[in-house]
């Protein structure tokens, strides 16, 4: 049987449970040091490049500092004193399909420069998403997971 004749995994089309496409599948949080001019410049350029290269993906503003506790942990931020899980300046990109997730992941591996990226799925357990199911492109940062313990489903 040739490769073309083999059946394809359903994972190309739908995320495995418990990942919820309705909750944006995966979030990519691009972290940078706001006191490092090289990081800031690269983050701003990367934000623009992602917007141009992936116009179909939701991309949120660049925050120049850690941000407040959001009503939805990763996409609807409020501009309060920091008490969220993300410890530094950042911006977020969301993917809704496995194809988008794979394309953005590979693109960021090549183009992230000096920045680090938290990648996590969206399930109905924000704590587990950030603490147990998360992956990193680059170096991991310590997250403030205490604020997510109230968002556990178990």
N, C-alpha and C. Protein backbone atom coordinates (compact mmCIF):
# COMPACT_ATOMS: atom_id res chain seq x y z
N UNK A 1 0.84 -1.18 0.00
CA UNK A 1 0.00 0.00 0.00
C UNK A 1 0.89 1.25 0.00
N UNK A 2 0.67 2.13 -0.96
CA UNK A 2 1.46 3.35 -1.04
C UNK A 2 1.00 4.35 0.03
N UNK A 3 1.83 5.35 0.29
CA UNK A 3 1.48 6.38 1.27
C UNK A 3 0.16 7.06 0.90
N UNK A 4 -0.06 7.30 -0.39
CA UNK A 4 -1.28 7.98 -0.83
C UNK A 4 -2.53 7.14 -0.58
N UNK A 5 -2.37 5.81 -0.54
CA UNK A 5 -3.52 4.93 -0.34
C UNK A 5 -3.85 4.69 1.14
N UNK A 6 -2.96 5.09 2.02
CA UNK A 6 -3.18 4.87 3.45
C UNK A 6 -4.21 5.85 3.99
N UNK A 7 -5.03 5.42 4.93
CA UNK A 7 -6.00 6.35 5.52
C UNK A 7 -5.28 7.42 6.35
N UNK A 8 -5.90 8.60 6.43
CA UNK A 8 -5.33 9.70 7.21
C UNK A 8 -5.92 9.70 8.61
N UNK A 9 -5.11 10.10 9.55
CA UNK A 9 -5.56 10.25 10.93
C UNK A 9 -6.59 11.37 11.01
N UNK A 10 -7.59 11.20 11.85
CA UNK A 10 -8.58 12.25 12.07
C UNK A 10 -7.96 13.46 12.78
N UNK A 11 -6.77 13.28 13.37
CA UNK A 11 -6.10 14.38 14.06
C UNK A 11 -5.68 15.51 13.11
N UNK A 12 -5.67 15.25 11.80
CA UNK A 12 -5.40 16.32 10.85
C UNK A 12 -6.57 17.30 10.76
N UNK A 13 -7.74 16.83 11.08
CA UNK A 13 -8.94 17.65 10.92
C UNK A 13 -9.55 18.13 12.24
N UNK A 14 -9.44 17.34 13.30
CA UNK A 14 -10.03 17.71 14.58
C UNK A 14 -9.03 17.45 15.70
N UNK A 15 -9.07 18.31 16.71
CA UNK A 15 -8.21 18.12 17.88
C UNK A 15 -8.72 16.94 18.70
N UNK A 16 -7.83 16.20 19.34
CA UNK A 16 -8.28 15.12 20.23
C UNK A 16 -8.90 15.70 21.50
N UNK A 17 -9.84 14.97 22.07
CA UNK A 17 -10.41 15.36 23.36
C UNK A 17 -9.30 15.34 24.40
N UNK A 18 -9.28 16.25 25.31
CA UNK A 18 -10.29 17.24 25.68
C UNK A 18 -10.09 18.62 25.06
N UNK A 19 -9.26 18.74 24.01
CA UNK A 19 -9.01 20.04 23.39
C UNK A 19 -10.28 20.49 22.67
N UNK A 20 -10.65 21.75 22.88
CA UNK A 20 -11.90 22.28 22.35
C UNK A 20 -11.63 23.30 21.24
N UNK A 21 -11.97 22.96 20.01
CA UNK A 21 -11.84 23.93 18.91
C UNK A 21 -12.70 25.15 19.17
N UNK A 22 -13.83 24.95 19.83
CA UNK A 22 -14.73 26.07 20.13
C UNK A 22 -14.10 27.07 21.10
N UNK A 23 -13.04 26.66 21.78
CA UNK A 23 -12.32 27.56 22.69
C UNK A 23 -10.95 27.88 22.13
N UNK A 24 -10.84 27.89 20.82
CA UNK A 24 -9.65 28.30 20.09
C UNK A 24 -8.54 27.26 20.03
N UNK A 25 -8.82 26.01 20.26
CA UNK A 25 -7.81 24.98 20.04
C UNK A 25 -6.55 25.19 20.84
N UNK A 26 -5.63 26.01 20.32
CA UNK A 26 -4.35 26.28 20.98
C UNK A 26 -4.08 27.77 21.02
N UNK A 27 -3.44 28.21 22.11
CA UNK A 27 -2.95 29.58 22.25
C UNK A 27 -1.43 29.55 22.19
N UNK A 28 -0.87 30.55 21.53
CA UNK A 28 0.57 30.76 21.47
C UNK A 28 0.83 32.10 22.15
N UNK A 29 1.54 32.09 23.27
CA UNK A 29 1.89 33.31 23.99
C UNK A 29 3.36 33.60 23.73
N UNK A 30 3.64 34.67 23.01
CA UNK A 30 5.00 35.05 22.64
C UNK A 30 5.53 35.99 23.72
N UNK A 31 6.50 35.50 24.49
CA UNK A 31 7.06 36.24 25.62
C UNK A 31 8.32 37.00 25.19
N UNK A 32 8.49 38.18 25.79
CA UNK A 32 9.72 38.92 25.57
C UNK A 32 10.02 39.80 26.79
N UNK A 33 11.27 40.17 26.91
CA UNK A 33 11.71 41.03 28.01
C UNK A 33 11.48 42.49 27.60
N UNK A 34 10.61 43.21 28.29
CA UNK A 34 10.31 44.58 27.89
C UNK A 34 11.46 45.56 28.12
N UNK A 35 12.46 45.15 28.89
CA UNK A 35 13.62 46.01 29.14
C UNK A 35 14.76 45.73 28.17
N UNK A 36 14.58 44.77 27.28
CA UNK A 36 15.61 44.41 26.31
C UNK A 36 15.19 44.96 24.94
N UNK A 37 15.86 46.00 24.43
CA UNK A 37 15.45 46.60 23.15
C UNK A 37 15.43 45.61 21.98
N UNK A 38 16.34 44.65 21.98
CA UNK A 38 16.36 43.65 20.91
C UNK A 38 15.10 42.80 20.97
N UNK A 39 14.71 42.40 22.17
CA UNK A 39 13.48 41.60 22.34
C UNK A 39 12.25 42.40 21.90
N UNK A 40 12.18 43.66 22.34
CA UNK A 40 11.02 44.49 22.01
C UNK A 40 10.90 44.66 20.50
N UNK A 41 12.01 44.98 19.86
CA UNK A 41 11.99 45.18 18.40
C UNK A 41 11.57 43.89 17.69
N UNK A 42 12.13 42.76 18.12
CA UNK A 42 11.79 41.50 17.47
C UNK A 42 10.32 41.14 17.71
N UNK A 43 9.82 41.38 18.92
CA UNK A 43 8.42 41.08 19.23
C UNK A 43 7.48 41.91 18.34
N UNK A 44 7.77 43.18 18.20
CA UNK A 44 6.93 44.05 17.37
C UNK A 44 6.97 43.62 15.90
N UNK A 45 8.16 43.29 15.43
CA UNK A 45 8.29 42.82 14.04
C UNK A 45 7.61 41.47 13.85
N UNK A 46 7.76 40.58 14.81
CA UNK A 46 7.13 39.26 14.72
C UNK A 46 5.61 39.38 14.74
N UNK A 47 5.09 40.24 15.58
CA UNK A 47 3.65 40.48 15.63
C UNK A 47 3.14 40.90 14.25
N UNK A 48 3.84 41.84 13.63
CA UNK A 48 3.45 42.33 12.30
C UNK A 48 3.57 41.21 11.25
N UNK A 49 4.64 40.45 11.30
CA UNK A 49 4.83 39.36 10.33
C UNK A 49 3.75 38.30 10.46
N UNK A 50 3.40 37.94 11.70
CA UNK A 50 2.33 36.95 11.90
C UNK A 50 1.01 37.49 11.35
N UNK A 51 0.72 38.76 11.63
CA UNK A 51 -0.50 39.39 11.12
C UNK A 51 -0.57 39.32 9.60
N UNK A 52 0.57 39.51 8.95
CA UNK A 52 0.63 39.48 7.48
C UNK A 52 0.61 38.06 6.93
N UNK A 53 1.38 37.19 7.55
CA UNK A 53 1.54 35.82 7.05
C UNK A 53 0.32 34.95 7.35
N UNK A 54 -0.33 35.20 8.48
CA UNK A 54 -1.48 34.40 8.92
C UNK A 54 -2.68 35.32 9.21
N UNK A 55 -3.22 35.98 8.19
CA UNK A 55 -4.30 36.95 8.44
C UNK A 55 -5.58 36.32 9.00
N UNK A 56 -5.71 35.03 8.85
CA UNK A 56 -6.91 34.33 9.34
C UNK A 56 -6.86 34.03 10.83
N UNK A 57 -5.71 34.19 11.46
CA UNK A 57 -5.58 33.86 12.88
C UNK A 57 -5.84 35.07 13.77
N UNK A 58 -6.59 34.88 14.86
CA UNK A 58 -6.73 35.98 15.83
C UNK A 58 -5.38 36.26 16.49
N UNK A 59 -4.98 37.52 16.47
CA UNK A 59 -3.75 37.94 17.14
C UNK A 59 -4.11 39.17 17.97
N UNK A 60 -3.65 39.19 19.20
CA UNK A 60 -4.01 40.24 20.14
C UNK A 60 -2.87 41.22 20.32
N UNK A 61 -3.19 42.33 20.92
CA UNK A 61 -2.23 43.43 21.07
C UNK A 61 -0.96 42.98 21.78
N UNK A 62 0.08 43.74 21.59
CA UNK A 62 1.34 43.53 22.30
C UNK A 62 1.25 44.24 23.63
N UNK A 63 1.45 43.48 24.71
CA UNK A 63 1.47 44.03 26.06
C UNK A 63 2.92 44.28 26.44
N UNK A 64 3.22 45.46 26.95
CA UNK A 64 4.60 45.80 27.29
C UNK A 64 4.95 45.48 28.73
N UNK A 65 4.05 44.77 29.41
CA UNK A 65 4.26 44.38 30.81
C UNK A 65 3.36 43.19 31.11
N UNK A 66 3.58 42.52 32.23
CA UNK A 66 2.64 41.48 32.65
C UNK A 66 1.25 42.11 32.79
N UNK A 67 0.23 41.32 32.52
CA UNK A 67 -1.12 41.87 32.48
C UNK A 67 -2.02 41.26 33.52
N UNK A 68 -3.16 41.88 33.74
CA UNK A 68 -4.09 41.50 34.79
C UNK A 68 -4.83 40.21 34.51
N UNK A 69 -5.53 39.76 35.53
CA UNK A 69 -6.32 38.54 35.43
C UNK A 69 -7.43 38.72 34.42
N UNK A 70 -7.48 37.89 33.40
CA UNK A 70 -8.51 38.02 32.39
C UNK A 70 -9.80 37.30 32.79
N UNK A 71 -10.89 37.69 32.19
CA UNK A 71 -12.14 36.98 32.44
C UNK A 71 -12.07 35.59 31.82
N UNK A 72 -11.47 35.49 30.63
CA UNK A 72 -11.09 34.21 30.05
C UNK A 72 -9.57 34.23 30.13
N UNK A 73 -8.98 33.27 30.72
CA UNK A 73 -7.58 33.31 31.12
C UNK A 73 -6.64 33.80 30.02
N UNK A 74 -6.86 33.52 28.78
CA UNK A 74 -5.85 33.85 27.78
C UNK A 74 -6.24 34.75 26.64
N UNK A 75 -7.45 35.25 26.55
CA UNK A 75 -7.70 36.08 25.39
C UNK A 75 -8.44 37.38 25.66
N UNK A 76 -9.11 37.53 26.76
CA UNK A 76 -9.81 38.77 27.03
C UNK A 76 -9.18 39.41 28.25
N UNK A 77 -8.13 40.19 28.03
CA UNK A 77 -7.37 40.74 29.14
C UNK A 77 -7.95 42.04 29.64
N UNK A 78 -7.76 42.28 30.92
CA UNK A 78 -8.10 43.56 31.51
C UNK A 78 -6.79 44.26 31.85
N UNK A 79 -6.80 45.56 31.90
CA UNK A 79 -5.58 46.32 32.14
C UNK A 79 -5.49 46.69 33.61
N UNK A 80 -5.28 45.69 34.46
CA UNK A 80 -5.19 45.89 35.90
C UNK A 80 -3.77 45.56 36.35
N UNK A 81 -3.55 45.60 37.65
CA UNK A 81 -2.26 45.17 38.18
C UNK A 81 -2.08 43.70 37.89
N UNK A 82 -0.84 43.30 37.70
CA UNK A 82 -0.57 41.92 37.32
C UNK A 82 -1.01 40.93 38.38
N UNK A 83 -1.79 39.98 37.96
CA UNK A 83 -2.10 38.83 38.81
C UNK A 83 -2.45 37.63 37.94
N UNK A 84 -2.11 37.70 36.69
CA UNK A 84 -2.38 36.60 35.77
C UNK A 84 -1.25 35.60 35.72
N UNK A 85 -1.39 34.56 34.92
CA UNK A 85 -0.36 33.52 34.88
C UNK A 85 0.88 33.91 34.09
N UNK A 86 0.79 34.93 33.24
CA UNK A 86 1.90 35.26 32.34
C UNK A 86 2.82 36.30 32.97
N UNK A 87 4.12 35.97 33.14
CA UNK A 87 5.01 36.77 33.98
C UNK A 87 5.72 37.94 33.31
N UNK A 88 5.49 38.16 32.01
CA UNK A 88 6.25 39.20 31.32
C UNK A 88 5.44 39.77 30.17
N UNK A 89 6.05 40.70 29.46
CA UNK A 89 5.43 41.27 28.27
C UNK A 89 5.19 40.15 27.26
N UNK A 90 4.11 40.31 26.45
CA UNK A 90 3.76 39.22 25.54
C UNK A 90 2.70 39.66 24.55
N UNK A 91 2.46 38.80 23.57
CA UNK A 91 1.25 38.87 22.77
C UNK A 91 0.80 37.45 22.50
N UNK A 92 -0.46 37.32 22.10
CA UNK A 92 -1.08 36.01 21.94
C UNK A 92 -1.63 35.84 20.53
N UNK A 93 -1.46 34.62 20.01
CA UNK A 93 -2.06 34.21 18.74
C UNK A 93 -2.84 32.94 19.02
N UNK A 94 -4.02 32.82 18.39
CA UNK A 94 -4.85 31.64 18.61
C UNK A 94 -5.02 30.85 17.32
N UNK A 95 -5.11 29.54 17.47
CA UNK A 95 -5.40 28.67 16.33
C UNK A 95 -6.64 27.85 16.64
N UNK A 96 -7.43 27.59 15.61
CA UNK A 96 -8.69 26.88 15.81
C UNK A 96 -8.71 25.49 15.18
N UNK A 97 -7.71 25.18 14.34
CA UNK A 97 -7.68 23.88 13.67
C UNK A 97 -6.29 23.26 13.81
N UNK A 98 -6.20 21.94 13.68
CA UNK A 98 -4.87 21.31 13.71
C UNK A 98 -3.95 21.81 12.59
N UNK A 99 -4.50 22.09 11.41
CA UNK A 99 -3.67 22.61 10.32
C UNK A 99 -3.07 23.96 10.69
N UNK A 100 -3.88 24.85 11.25
CA UNK A 100 -3.38 26.16 11.67
C UNK A 100 -2.32 26.01 12.76
N UNK A 101 -2.60 25.12 13.71
CA UNK A 101 -1.67 24.93 14.83
C UNK A 101 -0.32 24.44 14.31
N UNK A 102 -0.33 23.44 13.45
CA UNK A 102 0.92 22.90 12.91
C UNK A 102 1.67 23.91 12.07
N UNK A 103 0.95 24.66 11.24
CA UNK A 103 1.60 25.65 10.38
C UNK A 103 2.25 26.75 11.22
N UNK A 104 1.51 27.28 12.21
CA UNK A 104 2.06 28.35 13.04
C UNK A 104 3.22 27.83 13.90
N UNK A 105 3.09 26.63 14.45
CA UNK A 105 4.15 26.07 15.28
C UNK A 105 5.46 26.00 14.48
N UNK A 106 5.41 25.39 13.31
CA UNK A 106 6.62 25.27 12.49
C UNK A 106 7.20 26.62 12.10
N UNK A 107 6.32 27.55 11.74
CA UNK A 107 6.76 28.89 11.34
C UNK A 107 7.44 29.60 12.50
N UNK A 108 6.88 29.47 13.71
CA UNK A 108 7.47 30.13 14.88
C UNK A 108 8.80 29.50 15.29
N UNK A 109 8.95 28.19 15.13
CA UNK A 109 10.23 27.54 15.44
C UNK A 109 11.35 28.21 14.63
N UNK A 110 11.08 28.52 13.39
CA UNK A 110 12.08 29.11 12.50
C UNK A 110 12.22 30.62 12.71
N UNK A 111 11.15 31.31 13.05
CA UNK A 111 11.14 32.77 13.03
C UNK A 111 11.07 33.46 14.39
N UNK A 112 11.09 32.73 15.50
CA UNK A 112 10.90 33.34 16.82
C UNK A 112 12.07 34.19 17.27
N UNK A 113 13.25 33.98 16.71
CA UNK A 113 14.42 34.74 17.13
C UNK A 113 14.72 34.50 18.60
N UNK A 114 14.99 35.56 19.38
CA UNK A 114 15.37 35.40 20.79
C UNK A 114 14.18 35.22 21.73
N UNK A 115 12.98 35.14 21.20
CA UNK A 115 11.78 35.10 22.05
C UNK A 115 11.40 33.67 22.41
N UNK A 116 10.67 33.53 23.49
CA UNK A 116 10.18 32.23 23.97
C UNK A 116 8.67 32.20 23.84
N UNK A 117 8.13 31.01 23.57
CA UNK A 117 6.70 30.92 23.29
C UNK A 117 6.07 29.78 24.08
N UNK A 118 5.07 30.14 24.86
CA UNK A 118 4.24 29.17 25.57
C UNK A 118 3.14 28.74 24.60
N UNK A 119 2.99 27.43 24.41
CA UNK A 119 1.94 26.88 23.56
C UNK A 119 1.09 25.98 24.44
N UNK A 120 -0.20 26.26 24.51
CA UNK A 120 -1.06 25.40 25.33
C UNK A 120 -2.42 25.20 24.67
N UNK A 121 -3.01 24.03 24.91
CA UNK A 121 -4.35 23.79 24.38
C UNK A 121 -5.38 24.50 25.25
N UNK A 122 -6.58 24.58 24.73
CA UNK A 122 -7.71 25.10 25.50
C UNK A 122 -8.71 23.97 25.72
N UNK A 123 -8.82 23.58 26.97
CA UNK A 123 -9.79 22.57 27.38
C UNK A 123 -10.74 23.29 28.33
N UNK A 124 -11.41 22.56 29.16
CA UNK A 124 -12.23 23.24 30.17
C UNK A 124 -11.51 23.31 31.51
N UNK A 125 -10.17 23.18 31.50
CA UNK A 125 -9.38 23.23 32.73
C UNK A 125 -8.15 24.11 32.48
N UNK A 126 -8.28 25.40 32.76
CA UNK A 126 -7.20 26.35 32.48
C UNK A 126 -5.92 26.02 33.24
N UNK A 127 -6.05 25.53 34.46
CA UNK A 127 -4.86 25.16 35.22
C UNK A 127 -4.09 24.05 34.50
N UNK A 128 -4.77 23.00 34.15
CA UNK A 128 -4.13 21.87 33.47
C UNK A 128 -3.56 22.31 32.12
N UNK A 129 -4.28 23.16 31.40
CA UNK A 129 -3.79 23.65 30.11
C UNK A 129 -2.41 24.28 30.24
N UNK A 130 -2.23 25.11 31.28
CA UNK A 130 -0.98 25.85 31.46
C UNK A 130 0.08 25.05 32.22
N UNK A 131 -0.34 24.18 33.14
CA UNK A 131 0.62 23.48 34.02
C UNK A 131 1.04 22.12 33.49
N UNK A 132 0.13 21.39 32.87
CA UNK A 132 0.41 20.00 32.50
C UNK A 132 0.43 19.75 30.99
N UNK A 133 -0.36 20.49 30.24
CA UNK A 133 -0.47 20.23 28.80
C UNK A 133 0.33 21.22 27.95
N UNK A 134 0.96 22.18 28.58
CA UNK A 134 1.69 23.22 27.85
C UNK A 134 3.02 22.69 27.31
N UNK A 135 3.45 23.30 26.22
CA UNK A 135 4.77 23.06 25.63
C UNK A 135 5.42 24.41 25.38
N UNK A 136 6.72 24.38 25.16
CA UNK A 136 7.47 25.62 24.95
C UNK A 136 8.27 25.54 23.67
N UNK A 137 8.30 26.65 22.96
CA UNK A 137 9.26 26.86 21.87
C UNK A 137 10.27 27.82 22.48
N UNK A 138 11.47 27.35 22.70
CA UNK A 138 12.46 28.16 23.42
C UNK A 138 12.51 27.75 24.87
N UNK A 139 12.91 28.67 25.72
CA UNK A 139 13.06 28.38 27.14
C UNK A 139 11.75 28.58 27.89
N UNK A 140 11.44 27.69 28.83
CA UNK A 140 10.23 27.88 29.65
C UNK A 140 10.41 29.01 30.66
N UNK A 141 9.31 29.69 30.93
CA UNK A 141 9.25 30.74 31.94
C UNK A 141 8.40 30.22 33.10
N UNK A 142 8.67 30.65 34.32
CA UNK A 142 7.80 30.27 35.43
C UNK A 142 6.47 31.02 35.33
N UNK A 143 5.38 30.29 35.43
CA UNK A 143 4.05 30.89 35.36
C UNK A 143 3.48 31.03 36.77
N UNK A 144 2.61 31.99 36.95
CA UNK A 144 1.89 32.17 38.21
C UNK A 144 0.65 31.27 38.16
N UNK A 145 0.85 30.00 38.44
CA UNK A 145 -0.22 29.01 38.33
C UNK A 145 -1.25 29.10 39.44
N UNK A 146 -0.91 29.76 40.53
CA UNK A 146 -1.86 29.89 41.65
C UNK A 146 -3.16 30.54 41.21
N UNK A 147 -3.08 31.53 40.32
CA UNK A 147 -4.30 32.23 39.89
C UNK A 147 -5.21 31.34 39.05
N UNK A 148 -4.68 30.22 38.56
CA UNK A 148 -5.47 29.33 37.72
C UNK A 148 -6.13 28.20 38.51
N UNK A 149 -5.73 28.03 39.75
CA UNK A 149 -6.28 26.90 40.53
C UNK A 149 -7.79 27.00 40.68
N UNK A 150 -8.34 28.18 40.66
CA UNK A 150 -9.78 28.36 40.74
C UNK A 150 -10.50 28.02 39.45
N UNK A 151 -9.72 27.76 38.40
CA UNK A 151 -10.31 27.43 37.09
C UNK A 151 -10.17 25.95 36.77
N UNK A 152 -9.98 25.14 37.81
CA UNK A 152 -9.86 23.69 37.63
C UNK A 152 -11.24 23.09 37.50
N UNK A 153 -11.34 22.04 36.70
CA UNK A 153 -12.64 21.37 36.57
C UNK A 153 -12.71 20.12 37.42
N UNK A 154 -11.58 19.71 37.98
CA UNK A 154 -11.58 18.49 38.78
C UNK A 154 -11.20 18.79 40.20
